[in-house]
Amino acid sequence: MTTDTPARLLQLLSLLQTPREWPGGELAERLGVSRRTVRRDIDRLRELGYPVQSTKGSDGGYRLVAGKAMPPLVLDDEEAVAIAVGLRAGAGHAVEGVDEASVRALAKLEQVLPSRLRHRVSTLQAATTPLTSGDGASIAPETLTVMASTVAGRERLRFAYRAGDGTGSRRLTEPYRLVSTGRRWYLVAYDLDRDDWRTFRVDRVSEPFATGARFAPRELPTGSAAEYLRRSIQRRQETYEFTVAFAAPADVVAARLPTWLGTPEPEDGGSGPGCVVRGATGDPLEWLAIRLAMTDCDFVVREPVELVDCVRELGERLTRAGGA
């Protein structure tokens, strides 16, 4: 019998978070208490904001339902390890749909994981490898979680950084936001040594260290971290504006193309079957050509001419590779 009321409430909450209805008698047996005690514990959970729904009957039943706000989750060891491994695997690549919120969740979870579970998570991830990965470079999840923690806590961050030409440096920053482009993670931060805003590719960061020093957030020049990153990339790279017509509906293309490449728009005012994507990229045109082909939809490149040539050369190379 569990005589510690807080511990018993946590155990009861863990059972209720399983998507099923629990008869009162079964809950009493699991907890080693009377049905009357179960009813009192249910009332306590309701007072704490947990929406527990009860059903009438000879034995009665209880289940946790969706409420106006999400109360804290209670996870057992196996569930915590499974969630942490999944978040770490996703955070290692800038996968479409895995954004800063996922990294924040991972940072919160790993902060409270007991050491025995952290060891299990690390061991399991080290012993496995994914068959496929994102388009971008892989990143140590620990790097992302440290950065996410300093962003959320407004804490100065120190790290080693390797520039594109291989030059190494040490940076002391006031981190503002983590931004995912769909291929890579970037950190937008105020560089204290250079007294200006900077963007850093996270896969080039090593030895991230939260200094513990708090700071008052500065106002970003553009107001949006994503917009600041876009302008920063355009300044550093040769950017191509492109227009591509697809022989497929806009919703079909949108589901197969990263959102940051552009939003498909119906052609001819929506009367035709196809759509058009207009956007800009600083990535190599060879990569863009391959990414367009991966939509598995027929398309025609209208501009620029450099992308037209790139697609044509890629098609000829693939034709030769196929032995035709």
Protein backbone atom coordinates (compact mmCIF):
# COMPACT_ATOMS: atom_id res chain seq x y z
CA MET A 1 0.00 0.00 0.00
CA THR A 2 1.28 3.47 -0.90
CA THR A 3 0.84 5.63 2.22
CA ASP A 4 2.67 8.69 0.81
CA THR A 5 -0.17 10.75 -0.69
CA PRO A 6 1.94 12.79 -3.19
CA ALA A 7 3.65 9.62 -4.43
CA ARG A 8 0.29 7.87 -4.73
CA LEU A 9 -1.17 10.80 -6.68
CA LEU A 10 1.73 10.67 -9.13
CA GLN A 11 1.26 6.93 -9.56
CA LEU A 12 -2.48 7.42 -10.11
CA LEU A 13 -1.82 10.19 -12.61
CA SER A 14 0.62 7.97 -14.50
CA LEU A 15 -2.05 5.27 -14.80
CA LEU A 16 -4.73 7.72 -15.94
CA GLN A 17 -2.50 9.10 -18.69
CA THR A 18 -2.75 5.74 -20.43
CA PRO A 19 -5.53 6.15 -23.06
CA ARG A 20 -8.13 3.84 -21.50
CA GLU A 21 -10.83 3.85 -18.87
CA TRP A 22 -9.83 2.49 -15.47
CA PRO A 23 -12.46 0.80 -13.26
CA GLY A 24 -12.31 2.09 -9.70
CA GLY A 25 -11.69 -1.40 -8.35
CA GLU A 26 -8.68 -1.93 -10.61
CA LEU A 27 -7.17 1.42 -9.62
CA ALA A 28 -7.66 0.55 -5.94
CA GLU A 29 -5.93 -2.78 -6.46
CA ARG A 30 -3.03 -1.22 -8.38
CA LEU A 31 -2.49 1.42 -5.68
CA GLY A 32 -3.16 -0.87 -2.73
CA VAL A 33 -5.83 1.40 -1.28
CA SER A 34 -9.60 1.41 -0.86
CA ARG A 35 -12.03 2.62 -3.52
CA ARG A 36 -12.96 5.48 -1.22
CA THR A 37 -9.32 6.60 -1.17
CA VAL A 38 -9.25 6.42 -4.99
CA ARG A 39 -12.30 8.72 -5.14
CA ARG A 40 -10.63 11.21 -2.79
CA ASP A 41 -7.43 11.12 -4.85
CA ILE A 42 -9.43 11.72 -8.04
CA ASP A 43 -10.99 14.81 -6.41
CA ARG A 44 -7.50 16.04 -5.50
CA LEU A 45 -6.33 15.68 -9.10
CA ARG A 46 -9.36 17.64 -10.29
CA GLU A 47 -8.52 20.43 -7.83
CA LEU A 48 -5.02 20.53 -9.34
CA GLY A 49 -6.48 21.07 -12.80
CA TYR A 50 -6.46 17.55 -14.21
CA PRO A 51 -9.71 16.91 -16.14
CA VAL A 52 -10.63 13.42 -14.88
CA GLN A 53 -13.91 12.12 -16.25
CA SER A 54 -15.90 9.51 -14.33
CA THR A 55 -18.58 7.08 -15.50
CA LYS A 56 -21.39 5.59 -13.46
CA GLY A 57 -21.93 1.89 -13.00
CA SER A 58 -21.45 -0.96 -10.60
CA ASP A 59 -17.71 -0.37 -10.45
CA GLY A 60 -17.43 3.10 -11.95
CA GLY A 61 -14.62 4.17 -14.22
CA TYR A 62 -12.17 7.02 -14.63
CA ARG A 63 -10.24 8.43 -17.54
CA LEU A 64 -8.19 11.56 -18.24
CA VAL A 65 -9.68 13.75 -20.98
CA ALA A 66 -8.48 16.81 -22.88
CA GLY A 67 -8.85 20.05 -20.95
CA LYS A 68 -8.28 23.74 -21.58
CA ALA A 69 -4.60 23.47 -20.60
CA MET A 70 -2.13 20.62 -20.58
CA PRO A 71 -1.13 19.65 -17.03
CA PRO A 72 2.34 18.21 -16.35
CA LEU A 73 2.89 14.76 -17.78
CA VAL A 74 4.07 11.85 -15.67
CA LEU A 75 6.30 9.39 -17.53
CA ASP A 76 7.71 6.09 -16.42
CA ASP A 77 11.35 5.20 -17.18
CA GLU A 78 10.65 3.46 -20.49
CA GLU A 79 8.43 6.28 -21.77
CA ALA A 80 10.97 8.96 -20.83
CA VAL A 81 13.78 7.10 -22.59
CA ALA A 82 11.66 6.55 -25.73
CA ILE A 83 10.69 10.23 -25.98
CA ALA A 84 14.24 11.45 -25.35
CA VAL A 85 15.71 9.13 -27.99
CA GLY A 86 13.09 10.24 -30.52
CA LEU A 87 13.67 13.93 -29.87
CA ARG A 88 17.47 13.53 -30.02
CA ALA A 89 17.24 11.65 -33.33
CA GLY A 90 15.04 14.36 -34.84
CA ALA A 91 17.05 17.25 -33.42
CA GLY A 92 20.29 15.93 -34.95
CA HIS A 93 19.11 17.13 -38.36
CA ALA A 94 17.23 20.23 -39.43
CA VAL A 95 14.27 18.15 -40.53
CA GLU A 96 11.23 19.92 -41.97
CA GLY A 97 8.71 20.22 -39.14
CA VAL A 98 11.25 19.76 -36.34
CA ASP A 99 11.70 23.33 -35.11
CA GLU A 100 12.84 25.18 -32.02
CA ALA A 101 9.86 23.94 -29.98
CA SER A 102 11.10 20.36 -30.32
CA VAL A 103 14.56 21.36 -29.20
CA ARG A 104 13.12 23.21 -26.19
CA ALA A 105 11.15 20.10 -25.26
CA LEU A 106 14.32 18.00 -25.46
CA ALA A 107 16.20 20.52 -23.30
CA LYS A 108 13.50 20.41 -20.63
CA LEU A 109 13.30 16.62 -20.63
CA GLU A 110 17.06 16.03 -20.42
CA GLN A 111 17.36 18.59 -17.63
CA VAL A 112 15.18 16.47 -15.33
CA LEU A 113 16.17 12.99 -16.48
CA PRO A 114 17.90 10.99 -13.73
CA SER A 115 21.52 10.10 -14.51
CA ARG A 116 20.65 6.43 -14.98
CA LEU A 117 18.15 7.34 -17.72
CA ARG A 118 20.49 9.83 -19.40
CA HIS A 119 23.05 7.04 -19.62
CA ARG A 120 20.47 4.70 -21.19
CA VAL A 121 19.48 7.35 -23.76
CA SER A 122 23.11 8.01 -24.73
CA THR A 123 23.93 4.30 -24.91
CA LEU A 124 20.91 3.52 -27.07
CA GLN A 125 21.59 6.36 -29.48
CA ALA A 126 25.28 5.48 -29.75
CA ALA A 127 24.41 1.87 -30.60
CA THR A 128 21.98 2.73 -33.40
CA THR A 129 22.18 4.59 -36.69
CA PRO A 130 19.37 5.84 -38.96
CA LEU A 131 18.99 4.43 -42.46
CA THR A 132 18.17 7.89 -43.78
CA SER A 133 18.86 11.41 -42.58
CA GLY A 134 18.02 14.97 -43.46
CA ASP A 135 19.69 16.91 -46.25
CA GLY A 136 21.84 18.92 -43.86
CA ALA A 137 24.82 18.11 -41.68
CA SER A 138 24.25 16.17 -38.48
CA ILE A 139 24.45 17.97 -35.12
CA ALA A 140 25.09 16.69 -31.62
CA PRO A 141 21.75 17.01 -29.77
CA GLU A 142 23.64 18.24 -26.70
CA THR A 143 24.73 21.30 -28.69
CA LEU A 144 21.13 22.17 -29.53
CA THR A 145 19.85 21.62 -26.01
CA VAL A 146 22.54 23.84 -24.48
CA MET A 147 21.72 26.57 -27.00
CA ALA A 148 17.97 26.23 -26.48
CA SER A 149 18.42 26.50 -22.72
CA THR A 150 20.43 29.72 -23.02
CA VAL A 151 17.89 31.22 -25.44
CA ALA A 152 15.01 30.44 -23.08
CA GLY A 153 16.93 31.55 -19.98
CA ARG A 154 18.46 34.68 -21.57
CA GLU A 155 21.90 33.42 -20.59
CA ARG A 156 25.16 34.31 -22.31
CA LEU A 157 26.62 31.51 -24.42
CA ARG A 158 30.30 30.84 -25.18
CA PHE A 159 31.43 28.43 -27.90
CA ALA A 160 34.13 27.58 -30.42
CA TYR A 161 33.26 28.35 -34.03
CA ARG A 162 34.73 27.19 -37.33
CA ALA A 163 34.11 29.55 -40.25
CA GLY A 164 33.51 28.40 -43.84
CA ASP A 165 37.20 28.83 -44.70
CA GLY A 166 38.24 26.70 -41.72
CA THR A 167 39.28 29.59 -39.47
CA GLY A 168 38.58 28.91 -35.81
CA SER A 169 37.54 31.41 -33.14
CA ARG A 170 35.97 31.68 -29.68
CA ARG A 171 32.67 33.56 -29.41
CA LEU A 172 30.80 35.09 -26.48
CA THR A 173 27.21 35.79 -27.45
CA GLU A 174 23.75 36.75 -26.27
CA PRO A 175 21.67 34.06 -28.02
CA TYR A 176 18.38 35.24 -29.51
CA ARG A 177 16.79 32.38 -31.47
CA LEU A 178 17.50 29.01 -33.08
CA VAL A 179 16.23 28.86 -36.66
CA SER A 180 15.79 25.79 -38.86
CA THR A 181 15.90 26.26 -42.63
CA GLY A 182 14.83 22.69 -43.35
CA ARG A 183 18.44 21.66 -44.08
CA ARG A 184 20.44 23.31 -41.32
CA TRP A 185 20.15 24.86 -37.87
CA TYR A 186 21.34 28.43 -37.33
CA LEU A 187 21.81 30.49 -34.18
CA VAL A 188 20.92 34.18 -34.36
CA ALA A 189 22.82 35.96 -31.59
CA TYR A 190 24.46 39.22 -30.59
CA ASP A 191 28.25 38.79 -30.74
CA LEU A 192 29.69 40.71 -27.78
CA ASP A 193 33.28 40.72 -29.09
CA ARG A 194 32.22 42.17 -32.46
CA ASP A 195 29.49 44.35 -30.98
CA ASP A 196 26.99 43.33 -33.67
CA TRP A 197 24.38 40.75 -34.61
CA ARG A 198 25.61 37.53 -36.23
CA THR A 199 24.29 34.21 -37.51
CA PHE A 200 26.13 30.95 -36.81
CA ARG A 201 25.71 27.57 -38.47
CA VAL A 202 25.16 25.19 -35.57
CA ASP A 203 26.99 22.31 -37.27
CA ARG A 204 30.14 24.49 -37.09
CA VAL A 205 29.74 25.10 -33.34
CA SER A 206 31.63 23.08 -30.74
CA GLU A 207 32.13 23.24 -26.98
CA PRO A 208 28.98 25.27 -26.23
CA PHE A 209 29.03 26.55 -22.65
CA ALA A 210 26.28 28.34 -20.74
CA THR A 211 28.10 30.99 -18.71
CA GLY A 212 25.32 31.61 -16.19
CA ALA A 213 25.47 35.37 -16.85
CA ARG A 214 22.01 36.80 -17.58
CA PHE A 215 21.32 39.58 -20.06
CA ALA A 216 18.50 41.88 -21.11
CA PRO A 217 17.39 40.99 -24.64
CA ARG A 218 18.30 43.45 -27.37
CA GLU A 219 16.01 44.47 -30.20
CA LEU A 220 16.76 42.57 -33.42
CA PRO A 221 17.10 44.94 -36.43
CA THR A 222 14.53 43.07 -38.53
CA GLY A 223 12.21 42.06 -35.69
CA SER A 224 12.16 38.45 -36.94
CA ALA A 225 15.00 35.96 -36.52
CA ALA A 226 13.94 34.10 -39.67
CA GLU A 227 13.98 37.30 -41.73
CA TYR A 228 17.35 38.32 -40.30
CA LEU A 229 18.79 34.91 -41.23
CA ARG A 230 17.37 35.12 -44.74
CA ARG A 231 18.98 38.52 -45.33
CA SER A 232 22.25 37.35 -43.80
CA ILE A 233 22.44 34.33 -46.12
CA GLN A 234 21.64 36.47 -49.16
CA ARG A 235 24.45 38.89 -48.29
CA ARG A 236 27.00 36.09 -48.07
CA GLN A 237 25.99 34.01 -51.07
CA GLU A 238 25.06 34.46 -54.68
CA THR A 239 21.29 34.21 -54.71
CA TYR A 240 19.16 32.97 -57.57
CA GLU A 241 15.51 33.83 -57.97
CA PHE A 242 13.65 30.98 -59.64
CA THR A 243 10.26 30.22 -61.16
CA VAL A 244 9.18 26.62 -61.64
CA ALA A 245 5.86 25.41 -63.12
CA PHE A 246 4.53 22.05 -61.92
CA ALA A 247 2.01 19.87 -63.74
CA ALA A 248 0.33 19.04 -60.43
CA PRO A 249 -2.09 20.76 -58.03
CA ALA A 250 -0.67 23.26 -55.55
CA ASP A 251 -1.59 21.17 -52.50
CA VAL A 252 0.20 18.12 -53.91
CA VAL A 253 3.41 20.09 -54.58
CA ALA A 254 3.21 21.86 -51.21
CA ALA A 255 3.18 18.49 -49.43
CA ARG A 256 6.36 17.40 -51.22
CA LEU A 257 8.41 20.62 -51.24
CA PRO A 258 10.02 22.36 -48.23
CA THR A 259 8.04 25.46 -47.31
CA TRP A 260 11.14 27.65 -47.26
CA LEU A 261 11.63 27.12 -51.01
CA GLY A 262 8.35 28.87 -51.76
CA THR A 263 4.59 28.49 -51.64
CA PRO A 264 2.96 26.85 -54.69
CA GLU A 265 0.30 29.06 -56.27
CA PRO A 266 -2.41 27.82 -58.67
CA GLU A 267 -1.73 28.87 -62.24
CA ASP A 268 -4.24 30.74 -64.43
CA GLY A 269 -6.19 31.89 -61.41
CA GLY A 270 -6.83 28.36 -60.27
CA SER A 271 -8.59 27.26 -63.47
CA GLY A 272 -5.70 25.07 -64.63
CA PRO A 273 -4.45 21.80 -63.13
CA GLY A 274 -0.91 23.04 -62.43
CA CYS A 275 0.82 25.49 -60.11
CA VAL A 276 3.86 27.76 -59.98
CA VAL A 277 6.54 28.11 -57.30
CA ARG A 278 8.53 31.33 -57.07
CA GLY A 279 11.38 31.69 -54.64
CA ALA A 280 15.04 32.47 -54.07
CA THR A 281 17.95 30.33 -52.93
CA GLY A 282 21.62 30.72 -52.10
CA ASP A 283 22.16 26.96 -52.15
CA PRO A 284 24.00 25.26 -55.05
CA LEU A 285 21.72 24.97 -58.07
CA GLU A 286 22.59 21.27 -58.38
CA TRP A 287 20.98 20.67 -54.99
CA LEU A 288 17.89 22.68 -55.98
CA ALA A 289 17.53 20.67 -59.20
CA ILE A 290 17.66 17.40 -57.28
CA ARG A 291 15.19 18.69 -54.68
CA LEU A 292 12.72 19.68 -57.38
CA ALA A 293 13.01 16.24 -58.99
CA MET A 294 12.31 14.62 -55.61
CA THR A 295 8.74 15.97 -55.70
CA ASP A 296 7.97 13.17 -58.22
CA CYS A 297 5.93 15.68 -60.26
CA ASP A 298 6.55 16.86 -63.81
CA PHE A 299 7.88 20.41 -63.85
CA VAL A 300 9.41 23.02 -66.15
CA VAL A 301 12.01 25.55 -65.01
CA ARG A 302 11.16 29.00 -66.40
CA GLU A 303 14.01 30.91 -64.79
CA PRO A 304 16.87 31.46 -64.23
CA VAL A 305 18.72 30.14 -67.24
CA GLU A 306 21.44 28.77 -64.95
CA LEU A 307 18.89 26.46 -63.32
CA VAL A 308 17.53 25.44 -66.73
CA ASP A 309 21.03 24.41 -67.81
CA CYS A 310 21.63 22.64 -64.50
CA VAL A 311 18.43 20.58 -64.79
CA ARG A 312 19.25 19.67 -68.41
CA GLU A 313 22.80 18.56 -67.52
CA LEU A 314 21.52 16.57 -64.55
CA GLY A 315 18.96 14.82 -66.77
CA GLU A 316 21.59 13.92 -69.33
CA ARG A 317 23.91 12.61 -66.63
CA LEU A 318 21.17 10.43 -65.15
CA THR A 319 20.26 9.16 -68.60
CA ARG A 320 23.85 8.09 -69.20
CA ALA A 321 23.96 6.50 -65.77
CA GLY A 322 20.90 4.44 -66.69
CA GLY A 323 22.72 2.98 -69.69
CA ALA A 324 20.44 4.54 -72.32
